Amino acid sequence: MEPYALRADSRAVKIRWISVQCYEIKLPNGKTIITDPFYWDKNNYDGWTPDMFNKELQMVHDVYAQTGFSVDDFEGADYIILNHVHGDHTNIVGQLWDKFRGRVLVPGATAEEIAKIFDIPYGAIYPLYPGNTYYFGDFDENDNYVEDFVLKTYPGCHDSRAFREGVFKRPSDPTDGTGGSDIFGVPCPNRTNGLGYMFNMNFLIETSNNFRIDFSAGRDFEEHAHHVASTERPNLMLRHRIRSYSPEYTAKQIETMGAQLYMPLHHNNARASNEDLNAYFAKVNEILKEHRSSAVAFNPEPYKWYSIYTSIIGE
């Protein structure tokens, strides 16, 4: 007689964080989703001298620029999903499309602008609108339809300094045609600055093995959670870690959503103050444990693949 198994593992997804809100997600069938494709290499500043940096460029260098990765290191991009179209969420979308020829899923009102800026064929662009359910898949070599994932879309709201610091940018601002784009190598002039503030889209990915990933960025989390938590019950929560959020508030958001796992979005901003995010999320987990929650927050190392499993483990 065979001995009893000590454990059994079913892998839900593989996932890794690249930069800002860019995650590479490997689905059970091997297809790949990229969220908010962005990478800004420090090599872009080779040869620069200190006098060439103004306050904004210094911030971009310190907070956004990274090393050790490139577009060539992505393993796939069958689907590219944009939460919004600012430069720090889109600057490599054209390069990724050229390499992988996937589908680019964007907030509907921004679709034509994204196609034009990055010269992506219109037929590869898939406009999305809040409040809808979309089914994505393809036919295999035997002409059998294979579902890749289901996508449910929700309204989003950009976290602008206008609401935190009283800084309002008007359409008449002379930088409106370049703001948030030129500093990341995006062709200008373009309309992404205003469109990125106006059109934001949160979403929920449901894989073919019923693993649910909720993606929400910006303000109005409570409104988003109201529509998602009780009906979808996501397993993994990808959520914007706004700089002003205390560990207590982040823990509260995780408990409100009811997800088992949390990984952050846009947490690169912690570099501005040399904040230790490992210590931050350790505190979040302490609070969750005190509240007797089984949820866990996890701060990913850039570029490192992680596998998420549902497991049976003998004790």
C-alpha atoms as a PDB file:
ATOM      1  CA  MET A   1       0.000   0.000   0.000  1.00  0.00           C
ATOM      2  CA  GLU A   2       1.263   3.441  -0.883  1.00  0.00           C
ATOM      3  CA  PRO A   3       1.922   5.707   2.137  1.00  0.00           C
ATOM      4  CA  TYR A   4      -0.358   8.643   2.796  1.00  0.00           C
ATOM      5  CA  ALA A   5       0.782  11.864   1.137  1.00  0.00           C
ATOM      6  CA  LEU A   6       2.154  14.498   3.486  1.00  0.00           C
ATOM      7  CA  ARG A   7       1.029  17.409   1.344  1.00  0.00           C
ATOM      8  CA  ALA A   8      -0.609  18.465  -1.916  1.00  0.00           C
ATOM      9  CA  ASP A   9      -0.091  21.767  -3.742  1.00  0.00           C
ATOM     10  CA  SER A  10      -2.168  23.387  -6.465  1.00  0.00           C
ATOM     11  CA  ARG A  11      -0.487  26.442  -7.984  1.00  0.00           C
ATOM     12  CA  ALA A  12      -2.924  29.276  -8.609  1.00  0.00           C
ATOM     13  CA  VAL A  13      -0.617  31.806 -10.314  1.00  0.00           C
ATOM     14  CA  LYS A  14       2.982  32.928 -10.607  1.00  0.00           C
ATOM     15  CA  ILE A  15       3.573  36.633 -10.080  1.00  0.00           C
ATOM     16  CA  ARG A  16       6.372  39.166  -9.871  1.00  0.00           C
ATOM     17  CA  TRP A  17       6.573  42.910  -9.330  1.00  0.00           C
ATOM     18  CA  ILE A  18       8.622  44.975 -11.771  1.00  0.00           C
ATOM     19  CA  SER A  19       8.044  48.665 -10.932  1.00  0.00           C
ATOM     20  CA  VAL A  20       5.281  51.057  -9.799  1.00  0.00           C
ATOM     21  CA  GLN A  21       2.070  49.136 -10.678  1.00  0.00           C
ATOM     22  CA  CYS A  22       3.665  46.775 -13.170  1.00  0.00           C
ATOM     23  CA  TYR A  23       3.143  43.130 -12.265  1.00  0.00           C
ATOM     24  CA  GLU A  24       3.788  40.148 -14.524  1.00  0.00           C
ATOM     25  CA  ILE A  25       1.217  37.435 -13.814  1.00  0.00           C
ATOM     26  CA  LYS A  26       1.492  33.910 -15.215  1.00  0.00           C
ATOM     27  CA  LEU A  27      -1.905  32.214 -15.513  1.00  0.00           C
ATOM     28  CA  PRO A  28      -2.459  28.450 -14.973  1.00  0.00           C
ATOM     29  CA  ASN A  29      -2.452  27.783 -18.731  1.00  0.00           C
ATOM     30  CA  GLY A  30       0.826  29.652 -19.271  1.00  0.00           C
ATOM     31  CA  LYS A  31      -0.662  32.877 -20.655  1.00  0.00           C
ATOM     32  CA  THR A  32       0.756  36.101 -19.192  1.00  0.00           C
ATOM     33  CA  ILE A  33      -0.895  39.327 -18.028  1.00  0.00           C
ATOM     34  CA  ILE A  34       1.083  42.554 -17.573  1.00  0.00           C
ATOM     35  CA  THR A  35      -0.486  45.328 -15.517  1.00  0.00           C
ATOM     36  CA  ASP A  36       0.488  48.996 -16.069  1.00  0.00           C
ATOM     37  CA  PRO A  37       3.674  48.326 -18.069  1.00  0.00           C
ATOM     38  CA  PHE A  38       6.434  50.604 -16.787  1.00  0.00           C
ATOM     39  CA  TYR A  39      10.186  50.476 -16.357  1.00  0.00           C
ATOM     40  CA  TRP A  40      12.631  53.394 -16.228  1.00  0.00           C
ATOM     41  CA  ASP A  41      16.326  52.524 -16.316  1.00  0.00           C
ATOM     42  CA  LYS A  42      18.947  54.551 -14.464  1.00  0.00           C
ATOM     43  CA  ASN A  43      21.130  54.194 -17.550  1.00  0.00           C
ATOM     44  CA  ASN A  44      18.953  56.929 -19.073  1.00  0.00           C
ATOM     45  CA  TYR A  45      20.954  59.349 -16.923  1.00  0.00           C
ATOM     46  CA  ASP A  46      24.405  58.225 -18.037  1.00  0.00           C
ATOM     47  CA  GLY A  47      26.524  61.295 -18.631  1.00  0.00           C
ATOM     48  CA  TRP A  48      24.251  63.632 -16.703  1.00  0.00           C
ATOM     49  CA  THR A  49      25.800  66.185 -14.343  1.00  0.00           C
ATOM     50  CA  PRO A  50      24.137  67.534 -11.155  1.00  0.00           C
ATOM     51  CA  ASP A  51      23.259  70.857 -12.797  1.00  0.00           C
ATOM     52  CA  MET A  52      21.093  69.019 -15.338  1.00  0.00           C
ATOM     53  CA  PHE A  53      18.610  67.926 -12.649  1.00  0.00           C
ATOM     54  CA  ASN A  54      15.772  70.170 -11.523  1.00  0.00           C
ATOM     55  CA  LYS A  55      13.554  69.213  -8.576  1.00  0.00           C
ATOM     56  CA  GLU A  56      11.177  67.086 -10.666  1.00  0.00           C
ATOM     57  CA  LEU A  57      13.908  65.229 -12.536  1.00  0.00           C
ATOM     58  CA  GLN A  58      15.742  64.530  -9.287  1.00  0.00           C
ATOM     59  CA  MET A  59      12.553  63.034  -7.851  1.00  0.00           C
ATOM     60  CA  VAL A  60      12.088  60.842 -10.921  1.00  0.00           C
ATOM     61  CA  HIS A  61      15.695  59.656 -10.676  1.00  0.00           C
ATOM     62  CA  ASP A  62      15.424  58.858  -6.980  1.00  0.00           C
ATOM     63  CA  VAL A  63      11.927  57.334  -6.911  1.00  0.00           C
ATOM     64  CA  TYR A  64      11.379  55.735 -10.322  1.00  0.00           C
ATOM     65  CA  ALA A  65      14.725  54.837 -11.893  1.00  0.00           C
ATOM     66  CA  GLN A  66      15.877  51.253 -11.400  1.00  0.00           C
ATOM     67  CA  THR A  67      18.543  48.831 -12.618  1.00  0.00           C
ATOM     68  CA  GLY A  68      18.763  45.136 -13.332  1.00  0.00           C
ATOM     69  CA  PHE A  69      15.842  44.678 -15.731  1.00  0.00           C
ATOM     70  CA  SER A  70      14.685  45.491 -19.261  1.00  0.00           C
ATOM     71  CA  VAL A  71      11.853  44.791 -21.691  1.00  0.00           C
ATOM     72  CA  ASP A  72      13.850  41.768 -22.883  1.00  0.00           C
ATOM     73  CA  ASP A  73      13.432  40.186 -19.438  1.00  0.00           C
ATOM     74  CA  PHE A  74       9.631  39.955 -19.616  1.00  0.00           C
ATOM     75  CA  GLU A  75       8.520  36.390 -20.333  1.00  0.00           C
ATOM     76  CA  GLY A  76       5.209  37.231 -21.961  1.00  0.00           C
ATOM     77  CA  ALA A  77       2.490  39.804 -22.525  1.00  0.00           C
ATOM     78  CA  ASP A  78      -0.521  38.039 -23.980  1.00  0.00           C
ATOM     79  CA  TYR A  79      -2.638  40.664 -22.235  1.00  0.00           C
ATOM     80  CA  ILE A  80      -1.633  44.165 -21.102  1.00  0.00           C
ATOM     81  CA  ILE A  81      -4.096  45.883 -18.748  1.00  0.00           C
ATOM     82  CA  LEU A  82      -3.899  49.616 -18.027  1.00  0.00           C
ATOM     83  CA  ASN A  83      -5.423  51.083 -14.880  1.00  0.00           C
ATOM     84  CA  HIS A  84      -4.796  54.548 -16.353  1.00  0.00           C
ATOM     85  CA  VAL A  85      -2.571  56.108 -19.013  1.00  0.00           C
ATOM     86  CA  HIS A  86      -0.010  58.315 -17.243  1.00  0.00           C
ATOM     87  CA  GLY A  87       3.603  57.832 -18.300  1.00  0.00           C
ATOM     88  CA  ASP A  88       4.582  55.925 -15.156  1.00  0.00           C
ATOM     89  CA  HIS A  89       1.961  53.282 -16.067  1.00  0.00           C
ATOM     90  CA  THR A  90       2.471  52.977 -19.830  1.00  0.00           C
ATOM     91  CA  ASN A  91       5.956  53.917 -20.998  1.00  0.00           C
ATOM     92  CA  ILE A  92       6.925  50.436 -22.278  1.00  0.00           C
ATOM     93  CA  VAL A  93       3.512  49.332 -23.583  1.00  0.00           C
ATOM     94  CA  GLY A  94       4.587  49.858 -27.195  1.00  0.00           C
ATOM     95  CA  GLN A  95       7.806  47.869 -26.749  1.00  0.00           C
ATOM     96  CA  LEU A  96       5.939  45.028 -25.063  1.00  0.00           C
ATOM     97  CA  TRP A  97       3.356  44.927 -27.841  1.00  0.00           C
ATOM     98  CA  ASP A  98       6.076  44.863 -30.496  1.00  0.00           C
ATOM     99  CA  LYS A  99       7.717  41.929 -28.728  1.00  0.00           C
ATOM    100  CA  PHE A 100       4.675  39.798 -27.836  1.00  0.00           C
ATOM    101  CA  ARG A 101       1.795  41.061 -30.069  1.00  0.00           C
ATOM    102  CA  GLY A 102      -0.834  40.608 -27.346  1.00  0.00           C
ATOM    103  CA  ARG A 103      -4.082  42.444 -26.562  1.00  0.00           C
ATOM    104  CA  VAL A 104      -3.925  45.862 -24.887  1.00  0.00           C
ATOM    105  CA  LEU A 105      -6.883  46.422 -22.539  1.00  0.00           C
ATOM    106  CA  VAL A 106      -7.430  50.090 -21.717  1.00  0.00           C
ATOM    107  CA  PRO A 107     -10.049  52.463 -20.259  1.00  0.00           C
ATOM    108  CA  GLY A 108     -12.322  53.059 -23.255  1.00  0.00           C
ATOM    109  CA  ALA A 109     -11.933  56.830 -23.538  1.00  0.00           C
ATOM    110  CA  THR A 110      -8.142  56.502 -23.768  1.00  0.00           C
ATOM    111  CA  ALA A 111      -7.963  53.741 -26.385  1.00  0.00           C
ATOM    112  CA  GLU A 112      -7.334  55.846 -29.506  1.00  0.00           C
ATOM    113  CA  GLU A 113      -4.696  57.999 -27.788  1.00  0.00           C
ATOM    114  CA  ILE A 114      -2.747  54.957 -26.613  1.00  0.00           C
ATOM    115  CA  ALA A 115      -2.850  53.433 -30.101  1.00  0.00           C
ATOM    116  CA  LYS A 116      -1.528  56.650 -31.674  1.00  0.00           C
ATOM    117  CA  ILE A 117       1.200  57.444 -29.117  1.00  0.00           C
ATOM    118  CA  PHE A 118       2.753  53.984 -29.135  1.00  0.00           C
ATOM    119  CA  ASP A 119       1.822  53.111 -32.747  1.00  0.00           C
ATOM    120  CA  ILE A 120      -0.065  49.988 -31.697  1.00  0.00           C
ATOM    121  CA  PRO A 121      -2.503  48.656 -34.344  1.00  0.00           C
ATOM    122  CA  TYR A 122      -6.066  49.633 -33.555  1.00  0.00           C
ATOM    123  CA  GLY A 123      -7.115  45.999 -33.766  1.00  0.00           C
ATOM    124  CA  ALA A 124      -4.839  45.109 -30.842  1.00  0.00           C
ATOM    125  CA  ILE A 125      -6.492  47.693 -28.574  1.00  0.00           C
ATOM    126  CA  TYR A 126      -9.488  46.511 -26.515  1.00  0.00           C
ATOM    127  CA  PRO A 127     -11.507  49.362 -24.932  1.00  0.00           C
ATOM    128  CA  LEU A 128     -12.966  48.588 -21.499  1.00  0.00           C
ATOM    129  CA  TYR A 129     -15.754  50.290 -19.578  1.00  0.00           C
ATOM    130  CA  PRO A 130     -16.611  50.105 -15.848  1.00  0.00           C
ATOM    131  CA  GLY A 131     -19.375  47.793 -14.724  1.00  0.00           C
ATOM    132  CA  ASN A 132     -18.834  45.104 -17.331  1.00  0.00           C
ATOM    133  CA  THR A 133     -17.636  41.496 -17.448  1.00  0.00           C
ATOM    134  CA  TYR A 134     -15.257  40.437 -20.219  1.00  0.00           C
ATOM    135  CA  TYR A 135     -14.279  36.907 -21.212  1.00  0.00           C
ATOM    136  CA  PHE A 136     -10.824  36.362 -22.699  1.00  0.00           C
ATOM    137  CA  GLY A 137      -9.528  33.209 -24.302  1.00  0.00           C
ATOM    138  CA  ASP A 138      -8.365  31.682 -27.539  1.00  0.00           C
ATOM    139  CA  PHE A 139      -8.572  28.557 -29.698  1.00  0.00           C
ATOM    140  CA  ASP A 140      -6.004  25.791 -29.329  1.00  0.00           C
ATOM    141  CA  GLU A 141      -4.419  23.777 -32.135  1.00  0.00           C
ATOM    142  CA  ASN A 142      -7.539  21.573 -32.259  1.00  0.00           C
ATOM    143  CA  ASP A 143      -9.873  24.572 -32.611  1.00  0.00           C
ATOM    144  CA  ASN A 144     -11.176  24.118 -29.064  1.00  0.00           C
ATOM    145  CA  TYR A 145     -11.899  27.347 -27.193  1.00  0.00           C
ATOM    146  CA  VAL A 146      -9.768  27.696 -24.050  1.00  0.00           C
ATOM    147  CA  GLU A 147     -10.670  30.352 -21.491  1.00  0.00           C
ATOM    148  CA  ASP A 148      -7.743  32.401 -20.218  1.00  0.00           C
ATOM    149  CA  PHE A 149      -9.502  34.549 -17.609  1.00  0.00           C
ATOM    150  CA  VAL A 150     -12.593  36.587 -16.828  1.00  0.00           C
ATOM    151  CA  LEU A 151     -12.180  40.327 -16.216  1.00  0.00           C
ATOM    152  CA  LYS A 152     -14.659  42.419 -14.228  1.00  0.00           C
ATOM    153  CA  THR A 153     -14.230  46.196 -14.358  1.00  0.00           C
ATOM    154  CA  TYR A 154     -15.000  48.885 -11.776  1.00  0.00           C
ATOM    155  CA  PRO A 155     -14.766  52.690 -11.635  1.00  0.00           C
ATOM    156  CA  GLY A 156     -11.478  54.053 -10.316  1.00  0.00           C
ATOM    157  CA  CYS A 157     -10.323  57.464  -9.110  1.00  0.00           C
ATOM    158  CA  HIS A 158      -6.785  58.796  -9.456  1.00  0.00           C
ATOM    159  CA  ASP A 159      -4.941  59.781  -6.281  1.00  0.00           C
ATOM    160  CA  SER A 160      -3.995  63.325  -7.216  1.00  0.00           C
ATOM    161  CA  ARG A 161      -2.096  65.800  -5.057  1.00  0.00           C
ATOM    162  CA  ALA A 162      -5.046  68.100  -5.746  1.00  0.00           C
ATOM    163  CA  PHE A 163      -6.848  66.235  -3.003  1.00  0.00           C
ATOM    164  CA  ARG A 164      -3.904  65.823  -0.636  1.00  0.00           C
ATOM    165  CA  GLU A 165      -1.902  69.015  -1.082  1.00  0.00           C
ATOM    166  CA  GLY A 166      -4.244  71.452  -2.804  1.00  0.00           C
ATOM    167  CA  VAL A 167      -2.300  71.483  -6.082  1.00  0.00           C
ATOM    168  CA  PHE A 168      -4.723  71.775  -9.006  1.00  0.00           C
ATOM    169  CA  LYS A 169      -3.538  71.533 -12.605  1.00  0.00           C
ATOM    170  CA  ARG A 170      -5.766  73.218 -15.180  1.00  0.00           C
ATOM    171  CA  PRO A 171      -6.002  72.356 -18.906  1.00  0.00           C
ATOM    172  CA  SER A 172      -4.425  75.750 -19.616  1.00  0.00           C
ATOM    173  CA  ASP A 173      -1.216  74.734 -17.812  1.00  0.00           C
ATOM    174  CA  PRO A 174       1.622  74.930 -20.397  1.00  0.00           C
ATOM    175  CA  THR A 175       2.935  71.515 -19.284  1.00  0.00           C
ATOM    176  CA  ASP A 176      -0.398  69.785 -19.887  1.00  0.00           C
ATOM    177  CA  GLY A 177       0.780  68.234 -23.148  1.00  0.00           C
ATOM    178  CA  THR A 178       3.875  66.682 -21.604  1.00  0.00           C
ATOM    179  CA  GLY A 179       3.329  66.269 -17.868  1.00  0.00           C
ATOM    180  CA  GLY A 180       3.874  62.712 -16.689  1.00  0.00           C
ATOM    181  CA  SER A 181       5.070  61.564 -20.115  1.00  0.00           C
ATOM    182  CA  ASP A 182       8.205  63.258 -21.406  1.00  0.00           C
ATOM    183  CA  ILE A 183      10.210  62.466 -18.272  1.00  0.00           C
ATOM    184  CA  PHE A 184       9.618  58.752 -18.945  1.00  0.00           C
ATOM    185  CA  GLY A 185      10.413  58.780 -22.645  1.00  0.00           C
ATOM    186  CA  VAL A 186       6.807  58.783 -23.883  1.00  0.00           C
ATOM    187  CA  PRO A 187       6.335  60.611 -27.229  1.00  0.00           C
ATOM    188  CA  CYS A 188       4.897  64.115 -26.787  1.00  0.00           C
ATOM    189  CA  PRO A 189       2.739  66.077 -27.156  1.00  0.00           C
ATOM    190  CA  ASN A 190      -0.089  63.803 -26.074  1.00  0.00           C
ATOM    191  CA  ARG A 191      -3.303  63.876 -24.048  1.00  0.00           C
ATOM    192  CA  THR A 192      -2.368  61.269 -21.422  1.00  0.00           C
ATOM    193  CA  ASN A 193      -1.942  63.784 -18.597  1.00  0.00           C
ATOM    194  CA  GLY A 194      -5.592  64.817 -18.473  1.00  0.00           C
ATOM    195  CA  LEU A 195      -6.953  61.457 -19.600  1.00  0.00           C
ATOM    196  CA  GLY A 196      -4.975  59.699 -16.877  1.00  0.00           C
ATOM    197  CA  TYR A 197      -6.553  61.822 -14.170  1.00  0.00           C
ATOM    198  CA  MET A 198     -10.080  61.466 -15.543  1.00  0.00           C
ATOM    199  CA  PHE A 199     -10.248  57.795 -16.570  1.00  0.00           C
ATOM    200  CA  ASN A 200      -9.144  55.180 -14.061  1.00  0.00           C
ATOM    201  CA  MET A 201     -10.293  51.583 -14.033  1.00  0.00           C
ATOM    202  CA  ASN A 202     -10.049  49.033 -11.252  1.00  0.00           C
ATOM    203  CA  PHE A 203     -10.618  45.388 -12.076  1.00  0.00           C
ATOM    204  CA  LEU A 204     -10.856  41.818 -10.878  1.00  0.00           C
ATOM    205  CA  ILE A 205      -9.142  38.927 -12.661  1.00  0.00           C
ATOM    206  CA  GLU A 206     -10.704  35.482 -12.259  1.00  0.00           C
ATOM    207  CA  THR A 207      -8.489  32.678 -13.547  1.00  0.00           C
ATOM    208  CA  SER A 208      -9.695  29.422 -15.070  1.00  0.00           C
ATOM    209  CA  ASN A 209      -9.114  27.706 -11.705  1.00  0.00           C
ATOM    210  CA  ASN A 210     -11.265  30.276  -9.869  1.00  0.00           C
ATOM    211  CA  PHE A 211      -8.429  32.252  -8.265  1.00  0.00           C
ATOM    212  CA  ARG A 212      -9.443  35.912  -7.948  1.00  0.00           C
ATOM    213  CA  ILE A 213      -7.064  38.876  -8.057  1.00  0.00           C
ATOM    214  CA  ASP A 214      -8.416  42.321  -7.219  1.00  0.00           C
ATOM    215  CA  PHE A 215      -6.517  45.344  -8.575  1.00  0.00           C
ATOM    216  CA  SER A 216      -7.412  48.755  -7.147  1.00  0.00           C
ATOM    217  CA  ALA A 217      -5.434  51.987  -7.240  1.00  0.00           C
ATOM    218  CA  GLY A 218      -5.970  55.572  -6.176  1.00  0.00           C
ATOM    219  CA  ARG A 219      -8.710  56.997  -3.978  1.00  0.00           C
ATOM    220  CA  ASP A 220     -12.217  55.782  -3.151  1.00  0.00           C
ATOM    221  CA  PHE A 221     -11.161  52.367  -1.874  1.00  0.00           C
ATOM    222  CA  GLU A 222     -14.221  52.061   0.335  1.00  0.00           C
ATOM    223  CA  GLU A 223     -16.516  52.459  -2.669  1.00  0.00           C
ATOM    224  CA  HIS A 224     -14.571  49.853  -4.601  1.00  0.00           C
ATOM    225  CA  ALA A 225     -14.517  47.409  -1.700  1.00  0.00           C
ATOM    226  CA  HIS A 226     -18.270  47.807  -1.229  1.00  0.00           C
ATOM    227  CA  HIS A 227     -18.853  46.433  -4.726  1.00  0.00           C
ATOM    228  CA  VAL A 228     -16.166  43.740  -4.689  1.00  0.00           C
ATOM    229  CA  ALA A 229     -15.667  42.305  -1.215  1.00  0.00           C
ATOM    230  CA  SER A 230     -19.082  40.782  -0.566  1.00  0.00           C
ATOM    231  CA  THR A 231     -19.714  39.494  -4.095  1.00  0.00           C
ATOM    232  CA  GLU A 232     -16.315  38.412  -5.479  1.00  0.00           C
ATOM    233  CA  ARG A 233     -14.295  37.537  -2.355  1.00  0.00           C
ATOM    234  CA  PRO A 234     -10.844  37.898  -3.969  1.00  0.00           C
ATOM    235  CA  ASN A 235      -7.927  35.730  -2.852  1.00  0.00           C
ATOM    236  CA  LEU A 236      -5.187  38.244  -3.682  1.00  0.00           C
ATOM    237  CA  MET A 237      -5.479  42.003  -3.304  1.00  0.00           C
ATOM    238  CA  LEU A 238      -3.162  44.285  -5.319  1.00  0.00           C
ATOM    239  CA  ARG A 239      -3.685  47.673  -3.736  1.00  0.00           C
ATOM    240  CA  HIS A 240      -2.140  51.161  -3.984  1.00  0.00           C
ATOM    241  CA  ARG A 241      -0.044  51.877  -0.893  1.00  0.00           C
ATOM    242  CA  ILE A 242      -0.472  55.658  -0.733  1.00  0.00           C
ATOM    243  CA  ARG A 243       2.348  57.298   1.223  1.00  0.00           C
ATOM    244  CA  SER A 244       0.038  58.808   3.819  1.00  0.00           C
ATOM    245  CA  TYR A 245      -1.485  55.436   4.751  1.00  0.00           C
ATOM    246  CA  SER A 246      -0.577  54.272   8.227  1.00  0.00           C
ATOM    247  CA  PRO A 247      -0.025  50.525   8.845  1.00  0.00           C
ATOM    248  CA  GLU A 248      -3.322  50.583  10.746  1.00  0.00           C
ATOM    249  CA  TYR A 249      -5.221  51.930   7.747  1.00  0.00           C
ATOM    250  CA  THR A 250      -3.587  49.481   5.329  1.00  0.00           C
ATOM    251  CA  ALA A 251      -4.534  46.614   7.656  1.00  0.00           C
ATOM    252  CA  LYS A 252      -8.086  47.957   7.768  1.00  0.00           C
ATOM    253  CA  GLN A 253      -8.257  47.993   3.956  1.00  0.00           C
ATOM    254  CA  ILE A 254      -7.076  44.386   3.803  1.00  0.00           C
ATOM    255  CA  GLU A 255      -9.678  43.314   6.355  1.00  0.00           C
ATOM    256  CA  THR A 256     -12.394  45.255   4.521  1.00  0.00           C
ATOM    257  CA  MET A 257     -11.613  43.494   1.245  1.00  0.00           C
ATOM    258  CA  GLY A 258     -11.439  40.116   2.959  1.00  0.00           C
ATOM    259  CA  ALA A 259      -8.588  38.854   0.784  1.00  0.00           C
ATOM    260  CA  GLN A 260      -6.172  36.253   2.098  1.00  0.00           C
ATOM    261  CA  LEU A 261      -3.114  37.913   0.543  1.00  0.00           C
ATOM    262  CA  TYR A 262      -2.070  41.510  -0.092  1.00  0.00           C
ATOM    263  CA  MET A 263       0.706  42.862  -2.332  1.00  0.00           C
ATOM    264  CA  PRO A 264       1.266  46.621  -2.826  1.00  0.00           C
ATOM    265  CA  LEU A 265       1.023  48.934  -5.839  1.00  0.00           C
ATOM    266  CA  HIS A 266       2.990  52.174  -6.400  1.00  0.00           C
ATOM    267  CA  HIS A 267       5.069  51.532  -3.272  1.00  0.00           C
ATOM    268  CA  ASN A 268       8.167  52.776  -5.100  1.00  0.00           C
ATOM    269  CA  ASN A 269       7.223  56.154  -3.571  1.00  0.00           C
ATOM    270  CA  ALA A 270       8.738  54.910  -0.313  1.00  0.00           C
ATOM    271  CA  ARG A 271      12.162  55.591  -1.867  1.00  0.00           C
ATOM    272  CA  ALA A 272      11.500  59.328  -1.561  1.00  0.00           C
ATOM    273  CA  SER A 273      11.977  59.111   2.208  1.00  0.00           C
ATOM    274  CA  ASN A 274      14.046  55.907   2.424  1.00  0.00           C
ATOM    275  CA  GLU A 275      11.121  54.236   4.162  1.00  0.00           C
ATOM    276  CA  ASP A 276      11.662  50.582   5.056  1.00  0.00           C
ATOM    277  CA  LEU A 277       8.653  48.833   3.530  1.00  0.00           C
ATOM    278  CA  ASN A 278       9.660  45.460   4.960  1.00  0.00           C
ATOM    279  CA  ALA A 279       9.304  46.990   8.424  1.00  0.00           C
ATOM    280  CA  TYR A 280       6.078  48.723   7.370  1.00  0.00           C
ATOM    281  CA  PHE A 281       4.400  45.530   6.225  1.00  0.00           C
ATOM    282  CA  ALA A 282       5.716  43.614   9.211  1.00  0.00           C
ATOM    283  CA  LYS A 283       3.752  46.121  11.300  1.00  0.00           C
ATOM    284  CA  VAL A 284       0.688  45.610   9.083  1.00  0.00           C
ATOM    285  CA  ASN A 285       0.937  41.863   9.697  1.00  0.00           C
ATOM    286  CA  GLU A 286       1.264  42.399  13.451  1.00  0.00           C
ATOM    287  CA  ILE A 287      -1.981  44.374  13.401  1.00  0.00           C
ATOM    288  CA  LEU A 288      -3.743  41.718  11.312  1.00  0.00           C
ATOM    289  CA  LYS A 289      -2.578  39.047  13.746  1.00  0.00           C
ATOM    290  CA  GLU A 290      -3.807  41.093  16.715  1.00  0.00           C
ATOM    291  CA  HIS A 291      -7.186  41.307  14.990  1.00  0.00           C
ATOM    292  CA  ARG A 292      -7.142  37.514  14.532  1.00  0.00           C
ATOM    293  CA  SER A 293      -7.200  37.895  10.783  1.00  0.00           C
ATOM    294  CA  SER A 294      -5.680  35.145   8.640  1.00  0.00           C
ATOM    295  CA  ALA A 295      -4.747  37.676   5.947  1.00  0.00           C
ATOM    296  CA  VAL A 296      -1.075  38.384   5.218  1.00  0.00           C
ATOM    297  CA  ALA A 297       0.631  41.383   3.591  1.00  0.00           C
ATOM    298  CA  PHE A 298       3.673  40.659   1.441  1.00  0.00           C
ATOM    299  CA  ASN A 299       6.295  43.076   0.094  1.00  0.00           C
ATOM    300  CA  PRO A 300       7.795  41.540  -3.069  1.00  0.00           C
ATOM    301  CA  GLU A 301      11.425  41.813  -4.091  1.00  0.00           C
ATOM    302  CA  PRO A 302      11.645  43.422  -7.553  1.00  0.00           C
ATOM    303  CA  TYR A 303      11.847  41.010 -10.508  1.00  0.00           C
ATOM    304  CA  LYS A 304      11.622  37.881  -8.319  1.00  0.00           C
ATOM    305  CA  TRP A 305       9.007  35.284  -9.257  1.00  0.00           C
ATOM    306  CA  TYR A 306       6.662  34.050  -6.538  1.00  0.00           C
ATOM    307  CA  SER A 307       4.222  31.171  -6.775  1.00  0.00           C
ATOM    308  CA  ILE A 308       0.866  31.294  -4.991  1.00  0.00           C
ATOM    309  CA  TYR A 309      -0.545  27.913  -4.020  1.00  0.00           C
ATOM    310  CA  THR A 310      -3.575  26.397  -2.415  1.00  0.00           C
ATOM    311  CA  SER A 311      -2.055  23.648  -0.302  1.00  0.00           C
ATOM    312  CA  ILE A 312      -2.882  20.723   1.962  1.00  0.00           C
ATOM    313  CA  ILE A 313      -0.075  20.255   4.497  1.00  0.00           C
ATOM    314  CA  GLY A 314       0.060  17.547   7.120  1.00  0.00           C
ATOM    315  CA  GLU A 315       0.815  18.630  10.687  1.00  0.00           C
END
